[in-house]
C-alpha atoms as a PDB file:
ATOM      1  CA  MET A   1       1.006 -19.893 -30.505  1.00  0.00           C
ATOM      2  CA  PRO A   2      -1.900 -18.754 -32.372  1.00  0.00           C
ATOM      3  CA  GLY A   3      -5.234 -18.384 -30.440  1.00  0.00           C
ATOM      4  CA  GLU A   4      -3.624 -16.754 -27.594  1.00  0.00           C
ATOM      5  CA  GLU A   5      -5.132 -13.174 -25.805  1.00  0.00           C
ATOM      6  CA  PRO A   6      -2.855 -10.661 -23.950  1.00  0.00           C
ATOM      7  CA  ALA A   7      -3.286 -11.819 -19.846  1.00  0.00           C
ATOM      8  CA  ASP A   8      -5.666  -8.490 -19.429  1.00  0.00           C
ATOM      9  CA  GLU A   9      -7.914  -8.744 -21.443  1.00  0.00           C
ATOM     10  CA  PRO A  10     -10.997 -10.600 -20.687  1.00  0.00           C
ATOM     11  CA  LEU A  11     -12.970 -13.139 -22.379  1.00  0.00           C
ATOM     12  CA  PRO A  12     -16.395 -12.175 -23.691  1.00  0.00           C
ATOM     13  CA  PRO A  13     -19.167 -12.741 -21.180  1.00  0.00           C
ATOM     14  CA  ARG A  14     -20.325 -16.072 -23.262  1.00  0.00           C
ATOM     15  CA  ALA A  15     -17.019 -17.317 -23.323  1.00  0.00           C
ATOM     16  CA  GLN A  16     -15.716 -16.469 -19.250  1.00  0.00           C
ATOM     17  CA  VAL A  17     -18.874 -19.079 -18.780  1.00  0.00           C
ATOM     18  CA  VAL A  18     -17.282 -21.393 -20.486  1.00  0.00           C
ATOM     19  CA  ALA A  19     -13.806 -20.793 -19.641  1.00  0.00           C
ATOM     20  CA  ASP A  20     -15.258 -21.107 -15.727  1.00  0.00           C
ATOM     21  CA  ALA A  21     -17.392 -24.608 -16.583  1.00  0.00           C
ATOM     22  CA  LEU A  22     -14.003 -25.754 -18.259  1.00  0.00           C
ATOM     23  CA  ALA A  23     -12.339 -24.751 -15.142  1.00  0.00           C
ATOM     24  CA  ALA A  24     -14.890 -26.000 -12.452  1.00  0.00           C
ATOM     25  CA  ALA A  25     -14.717 -29.442 -14.613  1.00  0.00           C
ATOM     26  CA  GLY A  26     -10.687 -29.818 -14.185  1.00  0.00           C
ATOM     27  CA  ALA A  27     -10.530 -29.096 -17.953  1.00  0.00           C
ATOM     28  CA  THR A  28      -6.463 -28.897 -19.218  1.00  0.00           C
ATOM     29  CA  GLY A  29      -6.894 -25.701 -22.025  1.00  0.00           C
ATOM     30  CA  ARG A  30      -7.986 -22.902 -21.979  1.00  0.00           C
ATOM     31  CA  VAL A  31     -10.373 -20.641 -23.752  1.00  0.00           C
ATOM     32  CA  ARG A  32      -8.167 -17.731 -25.803  1.00  0.00           C
ATOM     33  CA  GLN A  33      -9.793 -15.246 -28.441  1.00  0.00           C
ATOM     34  CA  LEU A  34      -8.781 -15.297 -31.929  1.00  0.00           C
ATOM     35  CA  PRO A  35      -8.540 -12.145 -33.699  1.00  0.00           C
ATOM     36  CA  ASP A  36     -10.713 -13.196 -36.416  1.00  0.00           C
ATOM     37  CA  SER A  37     -13.611 -15.054 -36.258  1.00  0.00           C
ATOM     38  CA  ALA A  38     -13.685 -19.302 -36.422  1.00  0.00           C
ATOM     39  CA  ARG A  39     -17.475 -19.298 -37.368  1.00  0.00           C
ATOM     40  CA  THR A  40     -16.543 -22.415 -39.555  1.00  0.00           C
ATOM     41  CA  ALA A  41     -14.154 -25.191 -39.216  1.00  0.00           C
ATOM     42  CA  ALA A  42     -12.172 -24.041 -42.310  1.00  0.00           C
ATOM     43  CA  GLN A  43     -11.804 -20.386 -40.817  1.00  0.00           C
ATOM     44  CA  ALA A  44     -10.881 -22.424 -37.181  1.00  0.00           C
ATOM     45  CA  ALA A  45      -8.157 -24.796 -38.877  1.00  0.00           C
ATOM     46  CA  GLN A  46      -6.693 -21.370 -40.743  1.00  0.00           C
ATOM     47  CA  ALA A  47      -6.417 -19.487 -37.942  1.00  0.00           C
ATOM     48  CA  LEU A  48      -4.958 -22.113 -34.896  1.00  0.00           C
ATOM     49  CA  GLY A  49      -3.151 -23.802 -38.602  1.00  0.00           C
ATOM     50  CA  CYS A  50      -4.497 -26.566 -38.222  1.00  0.00           C
ATOM     51  CA  HIS A  51      -6.148 -29.612 -39.947  1.00  0.00           C
ATOM     52  CA  VAL A  52     -10.121 -29.105 -40.548  1.00  0.00           C
ATOM     53  CA  GLY A  53     -10.407 -32.497 -38.820  1.00  0.00           C
ATOM     54  CA  GLN A  54      -9.225 -31.414 -35.576  1.00  0.00           C
ATOM     55  CA  ILE A  55     -12.200 -28.653 -35.257  1.00  0.00           C
ATOM     56  CA  ALA A  56     -14.617 -30.476 -32.790  1.00  0.00           C
ATOM     57  CA  ASN A  57     -17.896 -28.107 -34.594  1.00  0.00           C
ATOM     58  CA  SER A  58     -20.764 -28.131 -31.945  1.00  0.00           C
ATOM     59  CA  LEU A  59     -24.069 -28.719 -33.774  1.00  0.00           C
ATOM     60  CA  VAL A  60     -26.945 -28.223 -32.291  1.00  0.00           C
ATOM     61  CA  PHE A  61     -30.447 -30.597 -33.025  1.00  0.00           C
ATOM     62  CA  LEU A  62     -33.316 -31.646 -31.717  1.00  0.00           C
ATOM     63  CA  ALA A  63     -33.906 -35.145 -31.601  1.00  0.00           C
ATOM     64  CA  ASP A  64     -37.721 -35.887 -31.247  1.00  0.00           C
ATOM     65  CA  GLY A  65     -37.962 -32.343 -30.380  1.00  0.00           C
ATOM     66  CA  GLU A  66     -35.252 -32.450 -27.661  1.00  0.00           C
ATOM     67  CA  PRO A  67     -32.237 -30.474 -27.819  1.00  0.00           C
ATOM     68  CA  LEU A  68     -28.997 -32.865 -29.234  1.00  0.00           C
ATOM     69  CA  LEU A  69     -25.620 -31.320 -29.116  1.00  0.00           C
ATOM     70  CA  VAL A  70     -23.327 -33.460 -31.619  1.00  0.00           C
ATOM     71  CA  LEU A  71     -19.147 -32.931 -31.419  1.00  0.00           C
ATOM     72  CA  THR A  72     -18.329 -33.490 -34.684  1.00  0.00           C
ATOM     73  CA  SER A  73     -15.223 -33.670 -36.300  1.00  0.00           C
ATOM     74  CA  GLY A  74     -14.686 -30.096 -39.181  1.00  0.00           C
ATOM     75  CA  ALA A  75     -13.852 -32.722 -41.633  1.00  0.00           C
ATOM     76  CA  HIS A  76     -17.243 -34.439 -41.608  1.00  0.00           C
ATOM     77  CA  ARG A  77     -20.827 -34.072 -41.896  1.00  0.00           C
ATOM     78  CA  VAL A  78     -23.533 -35.396 -39.274  1.00  0.00           C
ATOM     79  CA  ASP A  79     -25.700 -37.732 -41.324  1.00  0.00           C
ATOM     80  CA  THR A  80     -28.952 -37.761 -39.341  1.00  0.00           C
ATOM     81  CA  THR A  81     -30.893 -41.022 -40.555  1.00  0.00           C
ATOM     82  CA  ALA A  82     -28.161 -42.910 -40.075  1.00  0.00           C
ATOM     83  CA  LEU A  83     -27.637 -41.097 -35.898  1.00  0.00           C
ATOM     84  CA  ALA A  84     -31.275 -41.148 -35.539  1.00  0.00           C
ATOM     85  CA  ALA A  85     -31.484 -45.177 -35.532  1.00  0.00           C
ATOM     86  CA  THR A  86     -28.293 -45.496 -33.273  1.00  0.00           C
ATOM     87  CA  LEU A  87     -29.904 -42.736 -30.714  1.00  0.00           C
ATOM     88  CA  GLU A  88     -33.168 -44.802 -31.387  1.00  0.00           C
ATOM     89  CA  VAL A  89     -35.394 -42.103 -32.123  1.00  0.00           C
ATOM     90  CA  GLU A  90     -37.697 -41.275 -34.952  1.00  0.00           C
ATOM     91  CA  ALA A  91     -36.256 -37.727 -36.271  1.00  0.00           C
ATOM     92  CA  ILE A  92     -33.204 -35.637 -36.093  1.00  0.00           C
ATOM     93  CA  THR A  93     -33.714 -32.152 -37.620  1.00  0.00           C
ATOM     94  CA  ARG A  94     -31.499 -29.413 -37.370  1.00  0.00           C
ATOM     95  CA  ALA A  95     -32.066 -26.742 -34.544  1.00  0.00           C
ATOM     96  CA  THR A  96     -33.125 -22.910 -35.433  1.00  0.00           C
ATOM     97  CA  PRO A  97     -31.096 -20.244 -34.750  1.00  0.00           C
ATOM     98  CA  GLU A  98     -33.329 -19.342 -31.370  1.00  0.00           C
ATOM     99  CA  GLN A  99     -33.458 -22.934 -30.123  1.00  0.00           C
ATOM    100  CA  VAL A 100     -29.450 -23.204 -30.169  1.00  0.00           C
ATOM    101  CA  ARG A 101     -29.597 -20.220 -28.030  1.00  0.00           C
ATOM    102  CA  THR A 102     -32.316 -21.237 -25.397  1.00  0.00           C
ATOM    103  CA  ALA A 103     -30.627 -25.054 -25.236  1.00  0.00           C
ATOM    104  CA  THR A 104     -26.932 -23.795 -24.925  1.00  0.00           C
ATOM    105  CA  GLY A 105     -27.121 -19.740 -24.466  1.00  0.00           C
ATOM    106  CA  GLN A 106     -24.985 -19.150 -26.890  1.00  0.00           C
ATOM    107  CA  ALA A 107     -25.052 -18.724 -30.486  1.00  0.00           C
ATOM    108  CA  ILE A 108     -24.184 -20.354 -33.846  1.00  0.00           C
ATOM    109  CA  GLY A 109     -20.510 -20.306 -34.427  1.00  0.00           C
ATOM    110  CA  GLY A 110     -19.695 -19.681 -31.022  1.00  0.00           C
ATOM    111  CA  VAL A 111     -21.494 -23.434 -29.594  1.00  0.00           C
ATOM    112  CA  ALA A 112     -19.532 -24.504 -26.839  1.00  0.00           C
ATOM    113  CA  PRO A 113     -19.631 -27.874 -25.932  1.00  0.00           C
ATOM    114  CA  VAL A 114     -19.980 -26.763 -22.122  1.00  0.00           C
ATOM    115  CA  GLY A 115     -21.407 -24.148 -19.994  1.00  0.00           C
ATOM    116  CA  HIS A 116     -24.848 -24.545 -21.448  1.00  0.00           C
ATOM    117  CA  PRO A 117     -27.826 -23.872 -18.956  1.00  0.00           C
ATOM    118  CA  ALA A 118     -28.358 -27.327 -18.627  1.00  0.00           C
ATOM    119  CA  PRO A 119     -26.865 -30.249 -19.547  1.00  0.00           C
ATOM    120  CA  LEU A 120     -27.553 -31.792 -23.007  1.00  0.00           C
ATOM    121  CA  ARG A 121     -27.638 -35.091 -24.608  1.00  0.00           C
ATOM    122  CA  THR A 122     -24.302 -35.091 -26.606  1.00  0.00           C
ATOM    123  CA  VAL A 123     -23.189 -37.627 -29.418  1.00  0.00           C
ATOM    124  CA  VAL A 124     -19.087 -36.948 -29.576  1.00  0.00           C
ATOM    125  CA  ASP A 125     -17.669 -38.123 -33.074  1.00  0.00           C
ATOM    126  CA  VAL A 126     -15.270 -40.857 -33.132  1.00  0.00           C
ATOM    127  CA  ALA A 127     -13.203 -39.348 -35.442  1.00  0.00           C
ATOM    128  CA  LEU A 128     -12.013 -36.552 -33.181  1.00  0.00           C
ATOM    129  CA  ASP A 129     -10.270 -39.740 -31.238  1.00  0.00           C
ATOM    130  CA  ALA A 130      -7.631 -39.608 -34.067  1.00  0.00           C
ATOM    131  CA  TYR A 131      -5.918 -36.610 -33.760  1.00  0.00           C
ATOM    132  CA  ALA A 132      -4.263 -36.052 -29.927  1.00  0.00           C
ATOM    133  CA  GLN A 133      -5.383 -32.280 -29.564  1.00  0.00           C
ATOM    134  CA  VAL A 134      -8.899 -31.041 -31.302  1.00  0.00           C
ATOM    135  CA  TRP A 135     -10.278 -27.318 -30.304  1.00  0.00           C
ATOM    136  CA  ALA A 136     -13.106 -26.940 -29.711  1.00  0.00           C
ATOM    137  CA  ALA A 137     -15.789 -23.471 -29.726  1.00  0.00           C
ATOM    138  CA  GLY A 138     -15.475 -21.216 -26.540  1.00  0.00           C
ATOM    139  CA  GLY A 139     -18.687 -19.440 -26.273  1.00  0.00           C
ATOM    140  CA  THR A 140     -18.903 -16.722 -29.093  1.00  0.00           C
ATOM    141  CA  PRO A 141     -17.358 -16.722 -32.985  1.00  0.00           C
ATOM    142  CA  HIS A 142     -14.037 -15.728 -32.105  1.00  0.00           C
ATOM    143  CA  THR A 143     -12.516 -17.874 -29.279  1.00  0.00           C
ATOM    144  CA  VAL A 144     -11.701 -21.475 -29.145  1.00  0.00           C
ATOM    145  CA  PHE A 145      -9.918 -24.060 -26.694  1.00  0.00           C
ATOM    146  CA  PRO A 146      -7.908 -26.913 -27.306  1.00  0.00           C
ATOM    147  CA  THR A 147      -8.817 -30.342 -25.696  1.00  0.00           C
ATOM    148  CA  THR A 148      -8.572 -34.463 -26.808  1.00  0.00           C
ATOM    149  CA  PHE A 149     -11.654 -36.279 -27.515  1.00  0.00           C
ATOM    150  CA  ALA A 150     -11.377 -38.443 -24.231  1.00  0.00           C
ATOM    151  CA  GLU A 151     -11.914 -34.485 -22.528  1.00  0.00           C
ATOM    152  CA  LEU A 152     -14.599 -33.908 -24.434  1.00  0.00           C
ATOM    153  CA  VAL A 153     -16.847 -37.241 -23.494  1.00  0.00           C
ATOM    154  CA  ARG A 154     -15.819 -36.413 -20.421  1.00  0.00           C
ATOM    155  CA  LEU A 155     -16.931 -32.789 -19.868  1.00  0.00           C
ATOM    156  CA  THR A 156     -19.810 -33.381 -22.319  1.00  0.00           C
ATOM    157  CA  GLY A 157     -21.179 -37.344 -20.586  1.00  0.00           C
ATOM    158  CA  GLY A 158     -21.025 -37.664 -24.641  1.00  0.00           C
ATOM    159  CA  ARG A 159     -21.709 -40.752 -26.249  1.00  0.00           C
ATOM    160  CA  PRO A 160     -19.169 -41.891 -28.187  1.00  0.00           C
ATOM    161  CA  SER A 161     -20.601 -42.372 -32.214  1.00  0.00           C
ATOM    162  CA  VAL A 162     -19.858 -42.677 -35.547  1.00  0.00           C
ATOM    163  CA  VAL A 163     -21.887 -39.128 -36.675  1.00  0.00           C
ATOM    164  CA  GLY A 164     -21.408 -39.363 -40.542  1.00  0.00           C
ATOM    165  CA  ASP A 165     -18.949 -39.191 -43.399  1.00  0.00           C
END
């Protein structure tokens, strides 16, 4: 299976935090290490042999200055104006790399939906529900895990929403 790592190869520390959070939450998938980077949805889809829409991008924004995690289909772009109206906030802006790391403990390109220092307000793109299986980052640009839309909502306490097109 693409993305399988040898059983004796330890995960990177940030990915192990995600794996532990997934296990504690009763998630069905496990973190897998890829030989190549999955920093972008297109790279991840190519490495996994799946549709780009099956990749759950973890994007961090600031909603009125507070971190907001948006899990969006790799086939979509986030419409921050429409999402701000949906969430009833004045403005949603892209977080800086430093703000992303502070909020998640992870670097851009590998941000997982879980394993953060504190829970984040989360929105989950309803477009991900079109797929029986989706893939999310596992805490590093080389790690991913399989999941479902319903499980992402449960794991993150996220709000299902249309996030863009």
